[in-house]
N, C-alpha and C. Protein backbone atom coordinates (compact mmCIF):
# COMPACT_ATOMS: atom_id res chain seq x y z
N UNK A 1 166.39 135.55 137.04
CA UNK A 1 165.82 134.47 136.22
C UNK A 1 166.64 133.21 136.42
N UNK A 2 165.95 132.11 136.55
CA UNK A 2 166.62 130.82 136.71
C UNK A 2 166.53 130.02 135.41
N UNK A 3 167.36 129.00 135.33
CA UNK A 3 167.34 128.14 134.15
C UNK A 3 165.97 127.51 133.96
N UNK A 4 165.49 127.52 132.73
CA UNK A 4 164.21 126.93 132.30
C UNK A 4 162.99 127.63 132.90
N UNK A 5 163.20 128.80 133.46
CA UNK A 5 162.07 129.54 134.02
C UNK A 5 161.24 130.16 132.91
N UNK A 6 159.92 130.02 133.02
CA UNK A 6 158.99 130.67 132.10
C UNK A 6 157.96 131.42 132.93
N UNK A 7 157.56 132.58 132.43
CA UNK A 7 156.57 133.39 133.12
C UNK A 7 155.56 133.87 132.09
N UNK A 8 154.33 133.42 132.23
CA UNK A 8 153.28 133.74 131.27
C UNK A 8 152.15 134.46 132.00
N UNK A 9 151.75 135.59 131.48
CA UNK A 9 150.68 136.39 132.06
C UNK A 9 149.32 135.72 131.83
N UNK A 10 148.29 136.15 132.56
CA UNK A 10 146.96 135.55 132.39
C UNK A 10 146.42 135.62 130.97
N UNK A 11 146.88 136.59 130.18
CA UNK A 11 146.38 136.69 128.80
C UNK A 11 147.12 135.77 127.84
N UNK A 12 148.08 134.99 128.36
CA UNK A 12 148.80 134.02 127.53
C UNK A 12 150.10 134.51 126.95
N UNK A 13 150.40 135.78 127.10
CA UNK A 13 151.67 136.32 126.59
C UNK A 13 152.78 136.20 127.64
N UNK A 14 154.01 136.01 127.19
CA UNK A 14 155.13 135.89 128.11
C UNK A 14 155.47 137.23 128.75
N UNK A 15 156.09 137.13 129.92
CA UNK A 15 156.58 138.29 130.66
C UNK A 15 158.10 138.32 130.51
N UNK A 16 158.66 139.42 130.04
CA UNK A 16 160.10 139.51 129.80
C UNK A 16 160.86 139.53 131.12
N UNK A 17 161.91 138.69 131.22
CA UNK A 17 162.70 138.56 132.45
C UNK A 17 164.16 138.89 132.20
N UNK A 18 164.80 139.48 133.21
CA UNK A 18 166.25 139.70 133.12
C UNK A 18 166.92 138.34 132.98
N UNK A 19 167.84 138.17 132.01
CA UNK A 19 168.25 136.82 131.61
C UNK A 19 169.33 136.13 132.43
N UNK A 20 169.65 136.63 133.61
CA UNK A 20 170.72 136.00 134.42
C UNK A 20 170.24 135.79 135.86
N UNK A 21 170.91 134.88 136.55
CA UNK A 21 170.57 134.60 137.95
C UNK A 21 171.00 135.71 138.89
N UNK A 22 172.00 136.48 138.48
CA UNK A 22 172.48 137.60 139.28
C UNK A 22 172.72 138.81 138.39
N UNK A 23 172.57 139.99 138.97
CA UNK A 23 172.74 141.24 138.23
C UNK A 23 173.85 142.04 138.91
N UNK A 24 174.97 142.20 138.22
CA UNK A 24 176.11 142.92 138.76
C UNK A 24 176.62 143.87 137.68
N UNK A 25 176.20 145.12 137.77
CA UNK A 25 176.57 146.12 136.78
C UNK A 25 178.02 146.54 136.91
N UNK A 26 178.68 146.79 135.78
CA UNK A 26 179.99 147.43 135.84
C UNK A 26 179.80 148.86 136.31
N UNK A 27 180.86 149.44 136.84
CA UNK A 27 180.73 150.79 137.38
C UNK A 27 180.65 151.86 136.31
N UNK A 28 181.33 151.62 135.18
CA UNK A 28 181.35 152.66 134.15
C UNK A 28 181.62 152.04 132.80
N UNK A 29 181.21 152.76 131.77
CA UNK A 29 181.52 152.35 130.41
C UNK A 29 182.30 153.49 129.79
N UNK A 30 183.57 153.30 129.57
CA UNK A 30 184.43 154.35 129.05
C UNK A 30 185.17 153.86 127.81
N UNK A 31 185.05 154.53 126.68
CA UNK A 31 184.12 155.64 126.44
C UNK A 31 182.71 155.11 126.21
N UNK A 32 181.73 155.95 126.45
CA UNK A 32 180.34 155.55 126.26
C UNK A 32 179.98 155.70 124.79
N UNK A 33 180.07 154.59 124.05
CA UNK A 33 179.84 154.64 122.60
C UNK A 33 178.43 154.21 122.22
N UNK A 34 177.66 153.75 123.15
CA UNK A 34 176.40 153.10 122.78
C UNK A 34 175.17 153.73 123.42
N UNK A 35 175.28 154.96 123.87
CA UNK A 35 174.19 155.67 124.55
C UNK A 35 173.93 155.03 125.91
N UNK A 36 172.99 155.57 126.64
CA UNK A 36 172.73 155.10 128.00
C UNK A 36 172.01 153.77 128.03
N UNK A 37 171.56 153.28 126.89
CA UNK A 37 170.72 152.09 126.90
C UNK A 37 171.49 150.78 126.99
N UNK A 38 172.71 150.74 126.48
CA UNK A 38 173.51 149.52 126.57
C UNK A 38 174.19 149.45 127.93
N UNK A 39 174.12 148.27 128.57
CA UNK A 39 174.75 148.07 129.88
C UNK A 39 175.64 146.83 129.83
N UNK A 40 176.63 146.82 130.70
CA UNK A 40 177.55 145.69 130.81
C UNK A 40 177.43 145.06 132.19
N UNK A 41 177.47 143.73 132.23
CA UNK A 41 177.32 143.00 133.49
C UNK A 41 178.50 142.04 133.68
N UNK A 42 179.03 142.01 134.90
CA UNK A 42 180.14 141.11 135.19
C UNK A 42 179.64 139.73 135.57
N UNK A 43 180.42 138.69 135.33
CA UNK A 43 179.98 137.32 135.65
C UNK A 43 180.04 137.05 137.15
N UNK A 44 178.89 136.98 137.77
CA UNK A 44 178.77 136.67 139.20
C UNK A 44 177.65 135.65 139.38
N UNK A 45 177.83 134.74 140.34
CA UNK A 45 176.74 133.82 140.64
C UNK A 45 175.81 134.45 141.68
N UNK A 46 174.80 133.71 142.08
CA UNK A 46 173.79 134.26 143.00
C UNK A 46 174.35 134.58 144.38
N UNK A 47 175.54 134.05 144.70
CA UNK A 47 176.20 134.35 145.98
C UNK A 47 177.13 135.54 145.87
N UNK A 48 177.24 136.10 144.68
CA UNK A 48 178.12 137.23 144.48
C UNK A 48 179.54 136.85 144.14
N UNK A 49 179.79 135.58 143.94
CA UNK A 49 181.14 135.10 143.66
C UNK A 49 181.47 135.24 142.17
N UNK A 50 182.72 135.61 141.89
CA UNK A 50 183.16 135.70 140.49
C UNK A 50 183.14 134.32 139.84
N UNK A 51 182.62 134.27 138.64
CA UNK A 51 182.54 133.01 137.92
C UNK A 51 183.00 133.23 136.48
N UNK A 52 182.94 132.23 135.67
CA UNK A 52 183.26 132.37 134.24
C UNK A 52 182.14 131.73 133.43
N UNK A 53 182.03 132.20 132.20
CA UNK A 53 180.97 131.69 131.30
C UNK A 53 179.62 131.68 132.00
N UNK A 54 179.28 132.80 132.61
CA UNK A 54 177.98 132.92 133.29
C UNK A 54 176.86 132.74 132.28
N UNK A 55 175.91 131.85 132.56
CA UNK A 55 174.84 131.61 131.59
C UNK A 55 173.89 132.79 131.45
N UNK A 56 173.42 132.96 130.24
CA UNK A 56 172.41 133.96 129.92
C UNK A 56 171.23 133.22 129.30
N UNK A 57 170.07 133.32 129.94
CA UNK A 57 168.89 132.59 129.50
C UNK A 57 168.01 133.47 128.61
N UNK A 58 167.27 132.85 127.73
CA UNK A 58 166.39 133.61 126.84
C UNK A 58 165.34 134.34 127.68
N UNK A 59 165.29 135.68 127.62
CA UNK A 59 164.33 136.43 128.42
C UNK A 59 162.89 136.27 127.93
N UNK A 60 162.77 135.76 126.72
CA UNK A 60 161.47 135.47 126.11
C UNK A 60 161.74 134.44 125.02
N UNK A 61 160.72 133.79 124.54
CA UNK A 61 160.89 132.81 123.46
C UNK A 61 161.09 133.53 122.14
N UNK A 62 162.07 133.06 121.36
CA UNK A 62 162.34 133.71 120.08
C UNK A 62 163.48 133.05 119.35
N UNK A 63 163.93 133.69 118.28
CA UNK A 63 165.03 133.12 117.50
C UNK A 63 166.10 134.16 117.23
N UNK A 64 167.30 133.69 116.92
CA UNK A 64 168.42 134.55 116.59
C UNK A 64 168.21 135.08 115.17
N UNK A 65 168.09 136.40 115.05
CA UNK A 65 167.83 137.00 113.73
C UNK A 65 169.04 137.74 113.17
N UNK A 66 170.10 137.86 113.97
CA UNK A 66 171.32 138.54 113.52
C UNK A 66 172.51 137.98 114.28
N UNK A 67 173.64 137.81 113.58
CA UNK A 67 174.90 137.48 114.24
C UNK A 67 175.99 138.36 113.64
N UNK A 68 177.02 138.67 114.46
CA UNK A 68 178.07 139.57 114.01
C UNK A 68 179.46 139.11 114.39
N UNK A 69 180.45 139.95 114.07
CA UNK A 69 181.85 139.58 114.20
C UNK A 69 182.34 139.48 115.64
N UNK A 70 181.68 140.14 116.57
CA UNK A 70 182.06 140.06 117.99
C UNK A 70 181.31 138.93 118.70
N UNK A 71 180.84 137.95 117.91
CA UNK A 71 179.96 136.90 118.44
C UNK A 71 178.71 137.52 119.06
N UNK A 72 178.39 138.72 118.60
CA UNK A 72 177.17 139.37 119.06
C UNK A 72 175.98 138.83 118.29
N UNK A 73 174.81 138.93 118.88
CA UNK A 73 173.61 138.43 118.22
C UNK A 73 172.40 139.18 118.72
N UNK A 74 171.33 139.11 117.95
CA UNK A 74 170.04 139.67 118.35
C UNK A 74 169.03 138.53 118.44
N UNK A 75 168.40 138.41 119.60
CA UNK A 75 167.30 137.46 119.80
C UNK A 75 166.00 138.24 119.70
N UNK A 76 165.10 137.81 118.83
CA UNK A 76 163.83 138.50 118.62
C UNK A 76 162.67 137.63 119.10
N UNK A 77 161.72 138.22 119.78
CA UNK A 77 160.62 137.44 120.36
C UNK A 77 159.70 136.88 119.27
N UNK A 78 159.14 135.71 119.58
CA UNK A 78 158.16 135.09 118.68
C UNK A 78 156.87 135.89 118.63
N UNK A 79 156.50 136.42 119.79
CA UNK A 79 155.18 137.03 119.96
C UNK A 79 155.32 138.30 120.79
N UNK A 80 154.21 138.93 121.07
CA UNK A 80 154.20 140.09 121.94
C UNK A 80 154.65 139.69 123.34
N UNK A 81 155.30 140.61 124.05
CA UNK A 81 155.85 140.32 125.38
C UNK A 81 155.50 141.46 126.32
N UNK A 82 155.14 141.11 127.56
CA UNK A 82 154.86 142.11 128.59
C UNK A 82 156.15 142.68 129.16
N UNK A 83 156.18 143.99 129.37
CA UNK A 83 157.35 144.67 129.94
C UNK A 83 156.92 145.52 131.13
N UNK A 84 157.85 145.84 132.04
CA UNK A 84 157.52 146.64 133.22
C UNK A 84 156.96 148.03 132.92
N UNK A 85 157.27 148.59 131.75
CA UNK A 85 156.74 149.91 131.43
C UNK A 85 155.31 149.87 130.93
N UNK A 86 154.70 148.69 130.96
CA UNK A 86 153.29 148.55 130.60
C UNK A 86 153.04 148.22 129.14
N UNK A 87 154.09 148.10 128.34
CA UNK A 87 153.89 147.80 126.93
C UNK A 87 153.69 146.30 126.70
N UNK A 88 153.03 145.99 125.62
CA UNK A 88 152.88 144.61 125.14
C UNK A 88 153.25 144.65 123.66
N UNK A 89 154.54 144.40 123.38
CA UNK A 89 155.04 144.52 122.02
C UNK A 89 156.08 143.44 121.75
N UNK A 90 156.51 143.34 120.50
CA UNK A 90 157.63 142.46 120.17
C UNK A 90 158.89 143.04 120.81
N UNK A 91 159.82 142.16 121.15
CA UNK A 91 161.01 142.61 121.86
C UNK A 91 162.26 141.99 121.23
N UNK A 92 163.37 142.73 121.34
CA UNK A 92 164.67 142.24 120.89
C UNK A 92 165.70 142.48 121.98
N UNK A 93 166.63 141.55 122.10
CA UNK A 93 167.76 141.73 123.00
C UNK A 93 169.05 141.50 122.21
N UNK A 94 169.99 142.42 122.39
CA UNK A 94 171.31 142.32 121.77
C UNK A 94 172.32 141.95 122.85
N UNK A 95 173.11 140.92 122.61
CA UNK A 95 174.16 140.51 123.54
C UNK A 95 175.46 140.34 122.76
N UNK A 96 176.59 140.44 123.48
CA UNK A 96 177.88 140.36 122.78
C UNK A 96 178.98 139.83 123.68
N UNK A 97 180.01 139.28 123.03
CA UNK A 97 181.31 138.89 123.59
C UNK A 97 181.41 137.47 124.14
N UNK A 98 180.41 136.63 123.93
CA UNK A 98 180.55 135.23 124.30
C UNK A 98 181.69 134.60 123.49
N UNK A 99 182.36 133.61 124.09
CA UNK A 99 183.43 132.92 123.38
C UNK A 99 182.88 131.99 122.29
N UNK A 100 181.62 131.65 122.40
CA UNK A 100 180.99 130.76 121.42
C UNK A 100 180.09 131.56 120.49
N UNK A 101 180.26 131.40 119.21
CA UNK A 101 179.47 132.13 118.24
C UNK A 101 178.04 131.59 118.19
N UNK A 102 177.04 132.47 118.19
CA UNK A 102 175.65 132.02 118.08
C UNK A 102 175.35 131.56 116.65
N UNK A 103 174.30 130.80 116.49
CA UNK A 103 173.92 130.27 115.18
C UNK A 103 172.63 130.96 114.72
N UNK A 104 172.69 131.56 113.55
CA UNK A 104 171.56 132.29 113.01
C UNK A 104 170.34 131.37 112.87
N UNK A 105 169.18 131.91 113.20
CA UNK A 105 167.87 131.24 113.08
C UNK A 105 167.63 130.16 114.13
N UNK A 106 168.54 130.00 115.09
CA UNK A 106 168.30 129.06 116.19
C UNK A 106 167.17 129.58 117.07
N UNK A 107 166.25 128.70 117.42
CA UNK A 107 165.12 129.09 118.26
C UNK A 107 165.36 128.69 119.71
N UNK A 108 164.94 129.56 120.63
CA UNK A 108 165.06 129.29 122.06
C UNK A 108 163.73 129.56 122.75
N UNK A 109 163.39 128.69 123.68
CA UNK A 109 162.23 128.90 124.52
C UNK A 109 162.66 129.71 125.74
N UNK A 110 161.79 130.57 126.23
CA UNK A 110 162.11 131.37 127.41
C UNK A 110 162.69 130.47 128.50
N UNK A 111 163.84 130.88 129.05
CA UNK A 111 164.50 130.12 130.10
C UNK A 111 165.61 129.21 129.62
N UNK A 112 165.69 128.98 128.33
CA UNK A 112 166.79 128.17 127.80
C UNK A 112 168.07 129.00 127.75
N UNK A 113 169.18 128.35 128.04
CA UNK A 113 170.47 129.03 127.93
C UNK A 113 170.77 129.29 126.46
N UNK A 114 171.01 130.56 126.11
CA UNK A 114 171.29 130.88 124.71
C UNK A 114 172.59 131.66 124.54
N UNK A 115 173.23 132.05 125.64
CA UNK A 115 174.43 132.86 125.54
C UNK A 115 175.20 132.77 126.85
N UNK A 116 176.47 133.21 126.86
CA UNK A 116 177.27 133.26 128.09
C UNK A 116 178.13 134.52 128.08
N UNK A 117 178.61 134.91 129.26
CA UNK A 117 179.58 136.00 129.31
C UNK A 117 180.87 135.54 128.64
N UNK A 118 181.64 136.51 128.15
CA UNK A 118 182.90 136.17 127.50
C UNK A 118 183.76 137.40 127.31
N UNK A 119 184.87 137.20 126.60
CA UNK A 119 185.83 138.27 126.36
C UNK A 119 186.25 138.29 124.90
N UNK A 120 185.34 137.88 124.03
CA UNK A 120 185.66 137.78 122.61
C UNK A 120 185.49 139.13 121.93
N UNK A 121 186.35 139.43 120.99
CA UNK A 121 186.21 140.64 120.19
C UNK A 121 186.74 141.89 120.88
N UNK A 122 186.08 143.00 120.65
CA UNK A 122 186.50 144.29 121.20
C UNK A 122 186.08 144.37 122.67
N UNK A 123 186.85 143.72 123.53
CA UNK A 123 186.50 143.63 124.95
C UNK A 123 187.78 143.58 125.76
N UNK A 124 187.74 144.17 126.96
CA UNK A 124 188.92 144.19 127.83
C UNK A 124 188.76 143.32 129.07
N UNK A 125 187.69 142.53 129.13
CA UNK A 125 187.48 141.66 130.27
C UNK A 125 186.15 140.93 130.12
N UNK A 126 186.04 139.76 130.73
CA UNK A 126 184.82 138.98 130.57
C UNK A 126 183.61 139.72 131.12
N UNK A 127 182.58 139.76 130.31
CA UNK A 127 181.35 140.43 130.72
C UNK A 127 180.24 140.08 129.73
N UNK A 128 179.04 140.56 130.04
CA UNK A 128 177.90 140.44 129.14
C UNK A 128 177.50 141.86 128.73
N UNK A 129 177.61 142.14 127.45
CA UNK A 129 177.15 143.41 126.90
C UNK A 129 175.71 143.19 126.44
N UNK A 130 174.79 144.08 126.85
CA UNK A 130 173.38 143.83 126.53
C UNK A 130 172.63 145.13 126.28
N UNK A 131 171.66 145.03 125.39
CA UNK A 131 170.77 146.14 125.09
C UNK A 131 169.42 145.54 124.71
N UNK A 132 168.33 146.24 125.02
CA UNK A 132 166.99 145.70 124.79
C UNK A 132 166.13 146.76 124.09
N UNK A 133 165.25 146.29 123.21
CA UNK A 133 164.35 147.22 122.52
C UNK A 133 162.98 146.59 122.32
N UNK A 134 162.01 147.44 122.05
CA UNK A 134 160.68 146.98 121.68
C UNK A 134 160.36 147.54 120.30
N UNK A 135 159.60 146.77 119.51
CA UNK A 135 159.22 147.20 118.17
C UNK A 135 157.76 146.86 117.92
N UNK A 136 157.14 147.63 117.06
CA UNK A 136 155.73 147.39 116.72
C UNK A 136 155.58 146.25 115.73
N UNK A 137 156.60 146.06 114.91
CA UNK A 137 156.51 145.09 113.82
C UNK A 137 157.86 144.41 113.65
N UNK A 138 157.86 143.10 113.47
CA UNK A 138 159.12 142.38 113.30
C UNK A 138 159.90 142.83 112.07
N UNK A 139 159.22 143.49 111.14
CA UNK A 139 159.91 143.96 109.94
C UNK A 139 160.66 145.27 110.19
N UNK A 140 160.51 145.83 111.38
CA UNK A 140 161.25 147.05 111.71
C UNK A 140 162.75 146.80 111.64
N UNK A 141 163.50 147.83 111.31
CA UNK A 141 164.95 147.74 111.20
C UNK A 141 165.57 147.29 112.52
N UNK A 142 166.77 146.71 112.45
CA UNK A 142 167.46 146.23 113.64
C UNK A 142 168.24 147.34 114.36
N UNK A 143 168.86 148.26 113.58
CA UNK A 143 169.83 149.18 114.15
C UNK A 143 169.32 150.62 114.18
N UNK A 144 169.83 151.39 115.13
CA UNK A 144 169.51 152.81 115.19
C UNK A 144 170.25 153.55 114.08
N UNK A 145 170.03 154.85 114.00
CA UNK A 145 170.62 155.62 112.91
C UNK A 145 172.14 155.62 112.94
N UNK A 146 172.74 155.45 114.14
CA UNK A 146 174.19 155.39 114.24
C UNK A 146 174.77 154.05 113.86
N UNK A 147 173.92 153.03 113.78
CA UNK A 147 174.36 151.71 113.38
C UNK A 147 175.10 150.91 114.44
N UNK A 148 175.11 151.39 115.68
CA UNK A 148 175.84 150.68 116.74
C UNK A 148 174.97 150.31 117.92
N UNK A 149 173.68 150.51 117.82
CA UNK A 149 172.76 150.16 118.89
C UNK A 149 171.43 149.72 118.30
N UNK A 150 170.60 149.10 119.11
CA UNK A 150 169.32 148.61 118.63
C UNK A 150 168.36 149.75 118.30
N UNK A 151 167.61 149.56 117.24
CA UNK A 151 166.53 150.48 116.90
C UNK A 151 165.48 150.45 118.00
N UNK A 152 165.07 151.63 118.45
CA UNK A 152 164.01 151.79 119.45
C UNK A 152 164.38 151.18 120.81
N UNK A 153 165.68 151.19 121.12
CA UNK A 153 166.12 150.70 122.43
C UNK A 153 165.62 151.61 123.54
N UNK A 154 165.52 151.07 124.73
CA UNK A 154 165.14 151.88 125.88
C UNK A 154 165.79 151.30 127.12
N UNK A 155 165.54 151.93 128.27
CA UNK A 155 166.18 151.49 129.51
C UNK A 155 165.81 150.04 129.84
N UNK A 156 166.81 149.28 130.23
CA UNK A 156 166.62 147.86 130.50
C UNK A 156 165.62 147.60 131.62
N UNK A 157 165.63 148.46 132.64
CA UNK A 157 164.72 148.26 133.77
C UNK A 157 163.26 148.54 133.39
N UNK A 158 163.04 149.16 132.22
CA UNK A 158 161.69 149.38 131.74
C UNK A 158 161.17 148.22 130.89
N UNK A 159 162.08 147.31 130.50
CA UNK A 159 161.68 146.22 129.62
C UNK A 159 161.86 144.82 130.21
N UNK A 160 162.65 144.67 131.27
CA UNK A 160 162.90 143.35 131.83
C UNK A 160 162.60 143.33 133.33
N UNK A 161 161.76 142.41 133.74
CA UNK A 161 161.50 142.20 135.17
C UNK A 161 162.65 141.41 135.78
N UNK A 162 162.85 141.60 137.09
CA UNK A 162 163.96 140.93 137.77
C UNK A 162 163.49 139.84 138.73
N UNK A 163 162.39 139.18 138.40
CA UNK A 163 161.94 138.04 139.20
C UNK A 163 163.04 136.98 139.29
N UNK A 164 163.32 136.50 140.49
CA UNK A 164 164.30 135.44 140.74
C UNK A 164 165.70 135.80 140.28
N UNK A 165 165.99 137.08 140.19
CA UNK A 165 167.35 137.56 139.93
C UNK A 165 167.89 138.22 141.19
N UNK A 166 169.08 137.83 141.62
CA UNK A 166 169.71 138.43 142.80
C UNK A 166 170.37 139.74 142.37
N UNK A 167 169.99 140.84 143.00
CA UNK A 167 170.54 142.15 142.66
C UNK A 167 171.78 142.42 143.49
N UNK A 168 172.94 142.16 142.93
CA UNK A 168 174.20 142.35 143.63
C UNK A 168 174.72 143.77 143.50
N UNK A 169 174.55 144.33 142.35
CA UNK A 169 174.95 145.73 142.13
C UNK A 169 174.00 146.35 141.11
N UNK A 170 172.82 146.76 141.56
CA UNK A 170 171.79 147.23 140.63
C UNK A 170 171.82 148.72 140.35
N UNK A 171 172.65 149.48 141.09
CA UNK A 171 172.61 150.94 141.05
C UNK A 171 171.21 151.41 141.45
N UNK A 172 170.95 152.67 141.26
CA UNK A 172 169.65 153.22 141.67
C UNK A 172 168.68 153.25 140.50
N UNK A 173 168.56 152.12 139.84
CA UNK A 173 167.64 152.02 138.72
C UNK A 173 166.33 151.38 139.19
N UNK A 174 165.30 151.60 138.41
CA UNK A 174 163.96 151.19 138.82
C UNK A 174 163.65 149.74 138.40
N UNK A 175 164.43 148.78 138.90
CA UNK A 175 164.18 147.37 138.61
C UNK A 175 162.89 146.95 139.30
N UNK A 176 162.07 146.18 138.62
CA UNK A 176 160.76 145.79 139.15
C UNK A 176 160.51 144.29 139.00
N UNK A 177 159.63 143.79 139.85
CA UNK A 177 159.24 142.38 139.80
C UNK A 177 157.79 142.29 139.33
N UNK A 178 157.51 141.21 138.61
CA UNK A 178 156.15 140.99 138.12
C UNK A 178 155.38 140.18 139.15
N UNK A 179 154.20 140.70 139.49
CA UNK A 179 153.37 140.03 140.51
C UNK A 179 151.96 139.83 139.98
N UNK A 180 151.87 139.23 138.83
CA UNK A 180 150.56 138.95 138.24
C UNK A 180 149.84 140.22 137.84
N UNK A 181 148.61 140.34 138.26
CA UNK A 181 147.81 141.50 137.91
C UNK A 181 148.11 142.71 138.76
N UNK A 182 149.04 142.60 139.72
CA UNK A 182 149.38 143.71 140.60
C UNK A 182 150.35 144.65 139.89
N UNK A 183 150.26 145.93 140.18
CA UNK A 183 151.21 146.89 139.61
C UNK A 183 152.63 146.48 139.95
N UNK A 184 153.53 146.47 138.98
CA UNK A 184 154.92 146.07 139.25
C UNK A 184 155.52 146.84 140.42
N UNK A 185 156.21 146.13 141.30
CA UNK A 185 156.81 146.73 142.49
C UNK A 185 158.32 146.85 142.31
N UNK A 186 158.88 147.94 142.82
CA UNK A 186 160.33 148.10 142.73
C UNK A 186 161.01 147.14 143.68
N UNK A 187 162.09 146.51 143.20
CA UNK A 187 162.86 145.59 144.03
C UNK A 187 163.98 146.39 144.68
N UNK A 188 163.91 146.55 146.00
CA UNK A 188 164.85 147.39 146.71
C UNK A 188 165.81 146.55 147.54
N UNK A 189 166.85 147.21 148.02
CA UNK A 189 167.80 146.53 148.89
C UNK A 189 169.05 147.35 149.05
N UNK A 190 169.83 147.04 150.07
CA UNK A 190 171.10 147.72 150.29
C UNK A 190 172.21 146.82 149.78
N UNK A 191 173.07 147.40 148.98
CA UNK A 191 174.11 146.62 148.33
C UNK A 191 175.46 147.28 148.57
N UNK A 192 176.50 146.49 148.84
CA UNK A 192 177.83 147.06 149.08
C UNK A 192 178.41 147.68 147.83
N UNK A 193 179.13 148.77 148.00
CA UNK A 193 179.84 149.39 146.89
C UNK A 193 181.09 148.58 146.63
N UNK A 194 181.21 148.08 145.44
CA UNK A 194 182.35 147.26 145.09
C UNK A 194 183.24 148.06 144.15
N UNK A 195 184.50 148.22 144.52
CA UNK A 195 185.42 148.98 143.69
C UNK A 195 185.84 148.14 142.50
N UNK A 196 185.54 148.65 141.34
CA UNK A 196 185.92 147.93 140.13
C UNK A 196 186.07 148.96 139.04
N UNK A 197 187.25 149.10 138.49
CA UNK A 197 187.47 150.08 137.43
C UNK A 197 188.06 149.38 136.23
N UNK A 198 187.63 149.80 135.08
CA UNK A 198 188.17 149.26 133.86
C UNK A 198 187.74 150.15 132.71
N UNK A 199 188.41 150.01 131.60
CA UNK A 199 188.01 150.70 130.40
C UNK A 199 187.60 149.68 129.36
N UNK A 200 186.49 149.95 128.74
CA UNK A 200 185.95 149.02 127.74
C UNK A 200 185.73 149.78 126.45
N UNK A 201 186.34 149.31 125.42
CA UNK A 201 186.11 149.93 124.12
C UNK A 201 185.58 148.87 123.17
N UNK A 202 184.38 149.08 122.67
CA UNK A 202 183.77 148.14 121.75
C UNK A 202 183.48 148.88 120.46
N UNK A 203 183.90 148.33 119.38
CA UNK A 203 183.80 149.02 118.10
C UNK A 203 182.49 148.75 117.39
N UNK A 204 182.05 147.50 117.42
CA UNK A 204 180.94 147.13 116.56
C UNK A 204 179.64 146.91 117.27
N UNK A 205 179.65 146.84 118.62
CA UNK A 205 178.41 146.47 119.31
C UNK A 205 178.07 147.52 120.33
């Protein structure tokens, strides 16, 4: 996803996009406190170069409905959103660790910068912590039964398309691109194995 990019389907609803220009997954999350649905991404630009304060764009239009002590926040969609798994539902994205605290009730249009990578709070290195969920009703609860992850979260590659995102380290996940009325296609490629080890312990997010 690029800055100010918007993608609207023929029916007028937005298409959910991965919120960064590059996708570089960390190799491991140790200990895994947030189930398989939360993923961490390192700050890399589209050339694969290490950067700082990597921008995170709104994957859909919505407003900040929650903020927390780790500068974490939840962005909730204004309307129904198309996802790669074929659903058309309201969507939420949880992000954490930016050095700048988000402001509750701030509205963002899809493609606007609303967050950055950071190392604030329970974090051992600059990164973007992210989790995504779909809900039937905006009145649905925010948190799962454990209180540390989004209610009704699911795999990120099932909810966010990777149009205009450079896949630097995507692992073998089913990332897909939106091609209008065509069935979503998997975005493939050969990527170098990059050695990167670290331990990340996050208490609240």
